[in-house]
PDB file of N, CA and C in Angstrom:
ATOM      1  N   MET A   1       0.815  -1.186   0.000  1.00  0.00           N
ATOM      2  CA  MET A   1       0.000   0.000   0.000  1.00  0.00           C
ATOM      3  C   MET A   1       0.866   1.260   0.000  1.00  0.00           C
ATOM      4  N   ASP A   2       2.005   1.229   0.640  1.00  0.00           N
ATOM      5  CA  ASP A   2       2.887   2.397   0.667  1.00  0.00           C
ATOM      6  C   ASP A   2       3.325   2.797  -0.738  1.00  0.00           C
ATOM      7  N   ILE A   3       3.592   1.803  -1.551  1.00  0.00           N
ATOM      8  CA  ILE A   3       4.013   2.085  -2.924  1.00  0.00           C
ATOM      9  C   ILE A   3       2.882   2.788  -3.687  1.00  0.00           C
ATOM     10  N   LEU A   4       1.679   2.320  -3.508  1.00  0.00           N
ATOM     11  CA  LEU A   4       0.532   2.942  -4.186  1.00  0.00           C
ATOM     12  C   LEU A   4       0.328   4.376  -3.687  1.00  0.00           C
ATOM     13  N   ARG A   5       0.488   4.590  -2.420  1.00  0.00           N
ATOM     14  CA  ARG A   5       0.346   5.947  -1.879  1.00  0.00           C
ATOM     15  C   ARG A   5       1.436   6.867  -2.407  1.00  0.00           C
ATOM     16  N   TYR A   6       2.621   6.347  -2.533  1.00  0.00           N
ATOM     17  CA  TYR A   6       3.717   7.127  -3.112  1.00  0.00           C
ATOM     18  C   TYR A   6       3.364   7.512  -4.554  1.00  0.00           C
ATOM     19  N   GLN A   7       2.823   6.562  -5.305  1.00  0.00           N
ATOM     20  CA  GLN A   7       2.443   6.824  -6.690  1.00  0.00           C
ATOM     21  C   GLN A   7       1.325   7.874  -6.758  1.00  0.00           C
ATOM     22  N   ILE A   8       0.373   7.784  -5.843  1.00  0.00           N
ATOM     23  CA  ILE A   8      -0.690   8.785  -5.787  1.00  0.00           C
ATOM     24  C   ILE A   8      -0.107  10.160  -5.491  1.00  0.00           C
ATOM     25  N   ASN A   9       0.810  10.224  -4.545  1.00  0.00           N
ATOM     26  CA  ASN A   9       1.455  11.501  -4.227  1.00  0.00           C
ATOM     27  C   ASN A   9       2.177  12.077  -5.443  1.00  0.00           C
ATOM     28  N   ASP A  10       2.813  11.222  -6.178  1.00  0.00           N
ATOM     29  CA  ASP A  10       3.517  11.652  -7.391  1.00  0.00           C
ATOM     30  C   ASP A  10       2.534  12.207  -8.429  1.00  0.00           C
ATOM     31  N   VAL A  11       1.444  11.509  -8.633  1.00  0.00           N
ATOM     32  CA  VAL A  11       0.416  11.975  -9.574  1.00  0.00           C
ATOM     33  C   VAL A  11      -0.170  13.305  -9.090  1.00  0.00           C
ATOM     34  N   ASP A  12      -0.422  13.423  -7.790  1.00  0.00           N
ATOM     35  CA  ASP A  12      -0.959  14.670  -7.238  1.00  0.00           C
ATOM     36  C   ASP A  12      -0.028  15.848  -7.509  1.00  0.00           C
ATOM     37  N   GLU A  13       1.265  15.632  -7.367  1.00  0.00           N
ATOM     38  CA  GLU A  13       2.231  16.700  -7.649  1.00  0.00           C
ATOM     39  C   GLU A  13       2.200  17.100  -9.121  1.00  0.00           C
ATOM     40  N   LYS A  14       2.060  16.120  -9.987  1.00  0.00           N
ATOM     41  CA  LYS A  14       1.967  16.408 -11.420  1.00  0.00           C
ATOM     42  C   LYS A  14       0.684  17.168 -11.737  1.00  0.00           C
ATOM     43  N   LEU A  15      -0.419  16.751 -11.118  1.00  0.00           N
ATOM     44  CA  LEU A  15      -1.684  17.461 -11.314  1.00  0.00           C
ATOM     45  C   LEU A  15      -1.572  18.906 -10.845  1.00  0.00           C
ATOM     46  N   LEU A  16      -0.942  19.104  -9.719  1.00  0.00           N
ATOM     47  CA  LEU A  16      -0.765  20.451  -9.179  1.00  0.00           C
ATOM     48  C   LEU A  16       0.027  21.328 -10.149  1.00  0.00           C
ATOM     49  N   SER A  17       1.073  20.772 -10.692  1.00  0.00           N
ATOM     50  CA  SER A  17       1.892  21.500 -11.658  1.00  0.00           C
ATOM     51  C   SER A  17       1.083  21.842 -12.921  1.00  0.00           C
ATOM     52  N   LEU A  18       0.298  20.903 -13.394  1.00  0.00           N
ATOM     53  CA  LEU A  18      -0.523  21.140 -14.580  1.00  0.00           C
ATOM     54  C   LEU A  18      -1.615  22.172 -14.302  1.00  0.00           C
ATOM     55  N   LEU A  19      -2.188  22.131 -13.115  1.00  0.00           N
ATOM     56  CA  LEU A  19      -3.186  23.141 -12.756  1.00  0.00           C
ATOM     57  C   LEU A  19      -2.558  24.524 -12.694  1.00  0.00           C
ATOM     58  N   LYS A  20      -1.356  24.609 -12.165  1.00  0.00           N
ATOM     59  CA  LYS A  20      -0.650  25.894 -12.140  1.00  0.00           C
ATOM     60  C   LYS A  20      -0.461  26.414 -13.561  1.00  0.00           C
ATOM     61  N   GLN A  21      -0.050  25.549 -14.466  1.00  0.00           N
ATOM     62  CA  GLN A  21       0.112  25.940 -15.876  1.00  0.00           C
ATOM     63  C   GLN A  21      -1.207  26.436 -16.449  1.00  0.00           C
ATOM     64  N   ARG A  22      -2.275  25.725 -16.150  1.00  0.00           N
ATOM     65  CA  ARG A  22      -3.589  26.101 -16.682  1.00  0.00           C
ATOM     66  C   ARG A  22      -4.019  27.462 -16.142  1.00  0.00           C
ATOM     67  N   PHE A  23      -3.832  27.687 -14.844  1.00  0.00           N
ATOM     68  CA  PHE A  23      -4.221  28.970 -14.259  1.00  0.00           C
ATOM     69  C   PHE A  23      -3.326  30.104 -14.763  1.00  0.00           C
ATOM     70  N   ASP A  24      -2.071  29.821 -15.025  1.00  0.00           N
ATOM     71  CA  ASP A  24      -1.192  30.839 -15.623  1.00  0.00           C
ATOM     72  C   ASP A  24      -1.694  31.235 -17.011  1.00  0.00           C
ATOM     73  N   LEU A  25      -2.107  30.250 -17.778  1.00  0.00           N
ATOM     74  CA  LEU A  25      -2.668  30.536 -19.109  1.00  0.00           C
ATOM     75  C   LEU A  25      -3.968  31.327 -18.981  1.00  0.00           C
ATOM     76  N   SER A  26      -4.756  30.963 -18.000  1.00  0.00           N
ATOM     77  CA  SER A  26      -6.007  31.682 -17.751  1.00  0.00           C
ATOM     78  C   SER A  26      -5.738  33.144 -17.386  1.00  0.00           C
ATOM     79  N   LYS A  27      -4.679  33.375 -16.642  1.00  0.00           N
ATOM     80  CA  LYS A  27      -4.289  34.749 -16.298  1.00  0.00           C
ATOM     81  C   LYS A  27      -3.896  35.528 -17.558  1.00  0.00           C
ATOM     82  N   SER A  28      -3.188  34.874 -18.445  1.00  0.00           N
ATOM     83  CA  SER A  28      -2.803  35.531 -19.706  1.00  0.00           C
ATOM     84  C   SER A  28      -4.036  35.889 -20.532  1.00  0.00           C
ATOM     85  N   ILE A  29      -4.997  34.995 -20.547  1.00  0.00           N
ATOM     86  CA  ILE A  29      -6.246  35.268 -21.263  1.00  0.00           C
ATOM     87  C   ILE A  29      -6.975  36.437 -20.605  1.00  0.00           C
ATOM     88  N   ALA A  30      -6.931  36.504 -19.275  1.00  0.00           N
ATOM     89  CA  ALA A  30      -7.581  37.607 -18.557  1.00  0.00           C
ATOM     90  C   ALA A  30      -6.994  38.950 -18.963  1.00  0.00           C
ATOM     91  N   GLU A  31      -5.694  39.001 -19.170  1.00  0.00           N
ATOM     92  CA  GLU A  31      -5.054  40.249 -19.601  1.00  0.00           C
ATOM     93  C   GLU A  31      -5.588  40.687 -20.963  1.00  0.00           C
ATOM     94  N   ILE A  32      -5.807  39.723 -21.843  1.00  0.00           N
ATOM     95  CA  ILE A  32      -6.373  40.028 -23.163  1.00  0.00           C
ATOM     96  C   ILE A  32      -7.805  40.527 -23.001  1.00  0.00           C
ATOM     97  N   LYS A  33      -8.579  39.834 -22.172  1.00  0.00           N
ATOM     98  CA  LYS A  33      -9.970  40.236 -21.936  1.00  0.00           C
ATOM     99  C   LYS A  33     -10.048  41.617 -21.301  1.00  0.00           C
ATOM    100  N   LYS A  34      -9.106  41.917 -20.441  1.00  0.00           N
ATOM    101  CA  LYS A  34      -9.093  43.214 -19.759  1.00  0.00           C
ATOM    102  C   LYS A  34      -8.933  44.355 -20.764  1.00  0.00           C
ATOM    103  N   ASN A  35      -8.138  44.109 -21.791  1.00  0.00           N
ATOM    104  CA  ASN A  35      -7.855  45.132 -22.794  1.00  0.00           C
ATOM    105  C   ASN A  35      -8.844  45.141 -23.956  1.00  0.00           C
ATOM    106  N   ASP A  36      -9.675  44.115 -24.035  1.00  0.00           N
ATOM    107  CA  ASP A  36     -10.666  44.039 -25.113  1.00  0.00           C
ATOM    108  C   ASP A  36     -12.030  43.763 -24.487  1.00  0.00           C
ATOM    109  N   LYS A  37     -12.763  44.822 -24.254  1.00  0.00           N
ATOM    110  CA  LYS A  37     -14.054  44.723 -23.556  1.00  0.00           C
ATOM    111  C   LYS A  37     -15.105  43.943 -24.341  1.00  0.00           C
ATOM    112  N   SER A  38     -14.834  43.641 -25.604  1.00  0.00           N
ATOM    113  CA  SER A  38     -15.806  42.880 -26.390  1.00  0.00           C
ATOM    114  C   SER A  38     -15.762  41.381 -26.061  1.00  0.00           C
ATOM    115  N   ILE A  39     -14.714  40.953 -25.357  1.00  0.00           N
ATOM    116  CA  ILE A  39     -14.592  39.543 -24.977  1.00  0.00           C
ATOM    117  C   ILE A  39     -15.175  39.380 -23.576  1.00  0.00           C
ATOM    118  N   VAL A  40     -16.148  38.494 -23.467  1.00  0.00           N
ATOM    119  CA  VAL A  40     -16.826  38.305 -22.183  1.00  0.00           C
ATOM    120  C   VAL A  40     -16.034  37.374 -21.264  1.00  0.00           C
ATOM    121  N   LEU A  41     -16.221  37.568 -19.973  1.00  0.00           N
ATOM    122  CA  LEU A  41     -15.551  36.709 -18.987  1.00  0.00           C
ATOM    123  C   LEU A  41     -16.088  35.290 -19.066  1.00  0.00           C
ATOM    124  N   HIS A  42     -17.394  35.161 -19.070  1.00  0.00           N
ATOM    125  CA  HIS A  42     -18.035  33.844 -19.044  1.00  0.00           C
ATOM    126  C   HIS A  42     -18.495  33.465 -20.449  1.00  0.00           C
ATOM    127  N   ASP A  43     -17.992  32.337 -20.940  1.00  0.00           N
ATOM    128  CA  ASP A  43     -18.361  31.856 -22.271  1.00  0.00           C
ATOM    129  C   ASP A  43     -18.881  30.420 -22.138  1.00  0.00           C
ATOM    130  N   PRO A  44     -20.186  30.266 -21.896  1.00  0.00           N
ATOM    131  CA  PRO A  44     -20.741  28.929 -21.681  1.00  0.00           C
ATOM    132  C   PRO A  44     -20.560  27.992 -22.877  1.00  0.00           C
ATOM    133  N   VAL A  45     -20.533  28.547 -24.077  1.00  0.00           N
ATOM    134  CA  VAL A  45     -20.324  27.706 -25.264  1.00  0.00           C
ATOM    135  C   VAL A  45     -18.929  27.093 -25.217  1.00  0.00           C
ATOM    136  N   ARG A  46     -17.934  27.909 -24.897  1.00  0.00           N
ATOM    137  CA  ARG A  46     -16.552  27.425 -24.796  1.00  0.00           C
ATOM    138  C   ARG A  46     -16.427  26.387 -23.679  1.00  0.00           C
ATOM    139  N   GLU A  47     -17.066  26.641 -22.547  1.00  0.00           N
ATOM    140  CA  GLU A  47     -17.000  25.695 -21.431  1.00  0.00           C
ATOM    141  C   GLU A  47     -17.603  24.344 -21.809  1.00  0.00           C
ATOM    142  N   LYS A  48     -18.736  24.382 -22.478  1.00  0.00           N
ATOM    143  CA  LYS A  48     -19.380  23.142 -22.920  1.00  0.00           C
ATOM    144  C   LYS A  48     -18.485  22.402 -23.917  1.00  0.00           C
ATOM    145  N   GLU A  49     -17.855  23.159 -24.791  1.00  0.00           N
ATOM    146  CA  GLU A  49     -16.923  22.597 -25.775  1.00  0.00           C
ATOM    147  C   GLU A  49     -15.775  21.860 -25.076  1.00  0.00           C
ATOM    148  N   ILE A  50     -15.199  22.500 -24.075  1.00  0.00           N
ATOM    149  CA  ILE A  50     -14.084  21.900 -23.328  1.00  0.00           C
ATOM    150  C   ILE A  50     -14.525  20.593 -22.680  1.00  0.00           C
ATOM    151  N   ILE A  51     -15.639  20.647 -21.973  1.00  0.00           N
ATOM    152  CA  ILE A  51     -16.114  19.461 -21.248  1.00  0.00           C
ATOM    153  C   ILE A  51     -16.502  18.346 -22.214  1.00  0.00           C
ATOM    154  N   ASN A  52     -17.200  18.676 -23.274  1.00  0.00           N
ATOM    155  CA  ASN A  52     -17.591  17.653 -24.256  1.00  0.00           C
ATOM    156  C   ASN A  52     -16.379  17.022 -24.924  1.00  0.00           C
ATOM    157  N   ASN A  53     -15.370  17.825 -25.207  1.00  0.00           N
ATOM    158  CA  ASN A  53     -14.146  17.287 -25.800  1.00  0.00           C
ATOM    159  C   ASN A  53     -13.495  16.274 -24.857  1.00  0.00           C
ATOM    160  N   LEU A  54     -13.435  16.607 -23.581  1.00  0.00           N
ATOM    161  CA  LEU A  54     -12.826  15.692 -22.614  1.00  0.00           C
ATOM    162  C   LEU A  54     -13.660  14.424 -22.442  1.00  0.00           C
ATOM    163  N   LYS A  55     -14.958  14.573 -22.407  1.00  0.00           N
ATOM    164  CA  LYS A  55     -15.839  13.407 -22.282  1.00  0.00           C
ATOM    165  C   LYS A  55     -15.690  12.477 -23.478  1.00  0.00           C
ATOM    166  N   SER A  56     -15.483  13.032 -24.645  1.00  0.00           N
ATOM    167  CA  SER A  56     -15.385  12.228 -25.868  1.00  0.00           C
ATOM    168  C   SER A  56     -14.173  11.303 -25.862  1.00  0.00           C
ATOM    169  N   LYS A  57     -13.205  11.602 -25.027  1.00  0.00           N
ATOM    170  CA  LYS A  57     -11.999  10.772 -24.959  1.00  0.00           C
ATOM    171  C   LYS A  57     -12.266   9.447 -24.247  1.00  0.00           C
ATOM    172  N   LYS A  58     -13.337   9.399 -23.450  1.00  0.00           N
ATOM    173  CA  LYS A  58     -13.750   8.172 -22.751  1.00  0.00           C
ATOM    174  C   LYS A  58     -12.643   7.592 -21.875  1.00  0.00           C
ATOM    175  N   ILE A  59     -11.916   8.472 -21.200  1.00  0.00           N
ATOM    176  CA  ILE A  59     -10.826   8.028 -20.332  1.00  0.00           C
ATOM    177  C   ILE A  59     -11.328   7.774 -18.913  1.00  0.00           C
ATOM    178  N   ILE A  60     -12.161   8.691 -18.417  1.00  0.00           N
ATOM    179  CA  ILE A  60     -12.797   8.485 -17.119  1.00  0.00           C
ATOM    180  C   ILE A  60     -14.279   8.823 -17.244  1.00  0.00           C
ATOM    181  N   ASP A  61     -15.031   8.464 -16.238  1.00  0.00           N
ATOM    182  CA  ASP A  61     -16.478   8.637 -16.245  1.00  0.00           C
ATOM    183  C   ASP A  61     -16.879  10.090 -16.512  1.00  0.00           C
ATOM    184  N   ASP A  62     -17.914  10.266 -17.315  1.00  0.00           N
ATOM    185  CA  ASP A  62     -18.394  11.598 -17.691  1.00  0.00           C
ATOM    186  C   ASP A  62     -18.775  12.456 -16.484  1.00  0.00           C
ATOM    187  N   VAL A  63     -19.367  11.836 -15.486  1.00  0.00           N
ATOM    188  CA  VAL A  63     -19.780  12.579 -14.284  1.00  0.00           C
ATOM    189  C   VAL A  63     -18.555  13.154 -13.568  1.00  0.00           C
ATOM    190  N   ILE A  64     -17.507  12.388 -13.508  1.00  0.00           N
ATOM    191  CA  ILE A  64     -16.268  12.843 -12.860  1.00  0.00           C
ATOM    192  C   ILE A  64     -15.681  14.018 -13.643  1.00  0.00           C
ATOM    193  N   ILE A  65     -15.623  13.872 -14.947  1.00  0.00           N
ATOM    194  CA  ILE A  65     -15.105  14.955 -15.795  1.00  0.00           C
ATOM    195  C   ILE A  65     -15.928  16.224 -15.585  1.00  0.00           C
ATOM    196  N   GLU A  66     -17.228  16.078 -15.630  1.00  0.00           N
ATOM    197  CA  GLU A  66     -18.133  17.222 -15.475  1.00  0.00           C
ATOM    198  C   GLU A  66     -17.874  17.938 -14.146  1.00  0.00           C
ATOM    199  N   GLN A  67     -17.794  17.197 -13.063  1.00  0.00           N
ATOM    200  CA  GLN A  67     -17.607  17.811 -11.746  1.00  0.00           C
ATOM    201  C   GLN A  67     -16.244  18.477 -11.611  1.00  0.00           C
ATOM    202  N   ILE A  68     -15.219  17.794 -12.037  1.00  0.00           N
ATOM    203  CA  ILE A  68     -13.864  18.344 -11.902  1.00  0.00           C
ATOM    204  C   ILE A  68     -13.710  19.589 -12.761  1.00  0.00           C
ATOM    205  N   TRP A  69     -14.123  19.500 -14.023  1.00  0.00           N
ATOM    206  CA  TRP A  69     -13.903  20.642 -14.918  1.00  0.00           C
ATOM    207  C   TRP A  69     -14.828  21.820 -14.624  1.00  0.00           C
ATOM    208  N   ARG A  70     -16.003  21.572 -14.121  1.00  0.00           N
ATOM    209  CA  ARG A  70     -16.855  22.691 -13.704  1.00  0.00           C
ATOM    210  C   ARG A  70     -16.145  23.500 -12.613  1.00  0.00           C
ATOM    211  N   GLU A  71     -15.501  22.797 -11.691  1.00  0.00           N
ATOM    212  CA  GLU A  71     -14.777  23.482 -10.619  1.00  0.00           C
ATOM    213  C   GLU A  71     -13.547  24.204 -11.164  1.00  0.00           C
ATOM    214  N   ILE A  72     -12.804  23.562 -12.031  1.00  0.00           N
ATOM    215  CA  ILE A  72     -11.626  24.193 -12.633  1.00  0.00           C
ATOM    216  C   ILE A  72     -12.043  25.444 -13.419  1.00  0.00           C
ATOM    217  N   LEU A  73     -13.100  25.335 -14.189  1.00  0.00           N
ATOM    218  CA  LEU A  73     -13.570  26.476 -14.979  1.00  0.00           C
ATOM    219  C   LEU A  73     -14.066  27.600 -14.072  1.00  0.00           C
ATOM    220  N   TYR A  74     -14.760  27.250 -13.011  1.00  0.00           N
ATOM    221  CA  TYR A  74     -15.217  28.258 -12.055  1.00  0.00           C
ATOM    222  C   TYR A  74     -14.021  29.006 -11.455  1.00  0.00           C
ATOM    223  N   LEU A  75     -13.021  28.262 -11.024  1.00  0.00           N
ATOM    224  CA  LEU A  75     -11.838  28.885 -10.419  1.00  0.00           C
ATOM    225  C   LEU A  75     -11.051  29.705 -11.440  1.00  0.00           C
ATOM    226  N   SER A  76     -11.026  29.254 -12.671  1.00  0.00           N
ATOM    227  CA  SER A  76     -10.367  30.023 -13.732  1.00  0.00           C
ATOM    228  C   SER A  76     -11.055  31.371 -13.916  1.00  0.00           C
ATOM    229  N   LYS A  77     -12.386  31.361 -13.873  1.00  0.00           N
ATOM    230  CA  LYS A  77     -13.130  32.619 -13.989  1.00  0.00           C
ATOM    231  C   LYS A  77     -12.845  33.528 -12.796  1.00  0.00           C
ATOM    232  N   CYS A  78     -12.706  32.957 -11.622  1.00  0.00           N
ATOM    233  CA  CYS A  78     -12.378  33.755 -10.429  1.00  0.00           C
ATOM    234  C   CYS A  78     -11.012  34.425 -10.588  1.00  0.00           C
ATOM    235  N   VAL A  79     -10.056  33.658 -11.071  1.00  0.00           N
ATOM    236  CA  VAL A  79      -8.708  34.189 -11.312  1.00  0.00           C
ATOM    237  C   VAL A  79      -8.781  35.330 -12.334  1.00  0.00           C
ATOM    238  N   GLN A  80      -9.510  35.096 -13.409  1.00  0.00           N
ATOM    239  CA  GLN A  80      -9.634  36.107 -14.455  1.00  0.00           C
ATOM    240  C   GLN A  80     -10.349  37.348 -13.944  1.00  0.00           C
ATOM    241  N   LYS A  81     -11.390  37.143 -13.174  1.00  0.00           N
ATOM    242  CA  LYS A  81     -12.162  38.271 -12.644  1.00  0.00           C
ATOM    243  C   LYS A  81     -11.278  39.160 -11.783  1.00  0.00           C
ATOM    244  N   ASP A  82     -10.418  38.564 -10.961  1.00  0.00           N
ATOM    245  CA  ASP A  82      -9.501  39.337 -10.123  1.00  0.00           C
ATOM    246  C   ASP A  82      -8.594  40.220 -10.980  1.00  0.00           C
ATOM    247  N   ILE A  83      -8.111  39.689 -12.073  1.00  0.00           N
ATOM    248  CA  ILE A  83      -7.209  40.454 -12.950  1.00  0.00           C
ATOM    249  C   ILE A  83      -7.973  41.553 -13.697  1.00  0.00           C
ATOM    250  N   ILE A  84      -9.124  41.202 -14.221  1.00  0.00           N
ATOM    251  CA  ILE A  84      -9.915  42.147 -15.003  1.00  0.00           C
ATOM    252  C   ILE A  84     -10.368  43.328 -14.143  1.00  0.00           C
ATOM    253  N   ASN A  85     -10.679  43.064 -12.880  1.00  0.00           N
ATOM    254  CA  ASN A  85     -11.199  44.103 -11.998  1.00  0.00           C
ATOM    255  C   ASN A  85     -10.113  44.943 -11.315  1.00  0.00           C
ATOM    256  N   LYS A  86      -8.863  44.672 -11.610  1.00  0.00           N
ATOM    257  CA  LYS A  86      -7.768  45.469 -11.016  1.00  0.00           C
ATOM    258  C   LYS A  86      -7.675  46.806 -11.685  1.00  0.00           C
TER     259      LYS A  86
END
């Protein structure tokens, strides 16, 4: 069991690093949105596109994808909102 826990810890660190990359990209997008008022913060079509694309890969259960990415997208919007409102 220790080996499996070590592997989980390793995967968690990789996920954390990838999330940091994603939020950094989201911050860059926020800077663009801040300077171009025609681009909206919330784009439900884009969000649906992202989630549907991930679901189509059939790697993990659709419900899991939906829950995880809804939270990631929500937090991305929070990050962007902070930048846009500065």
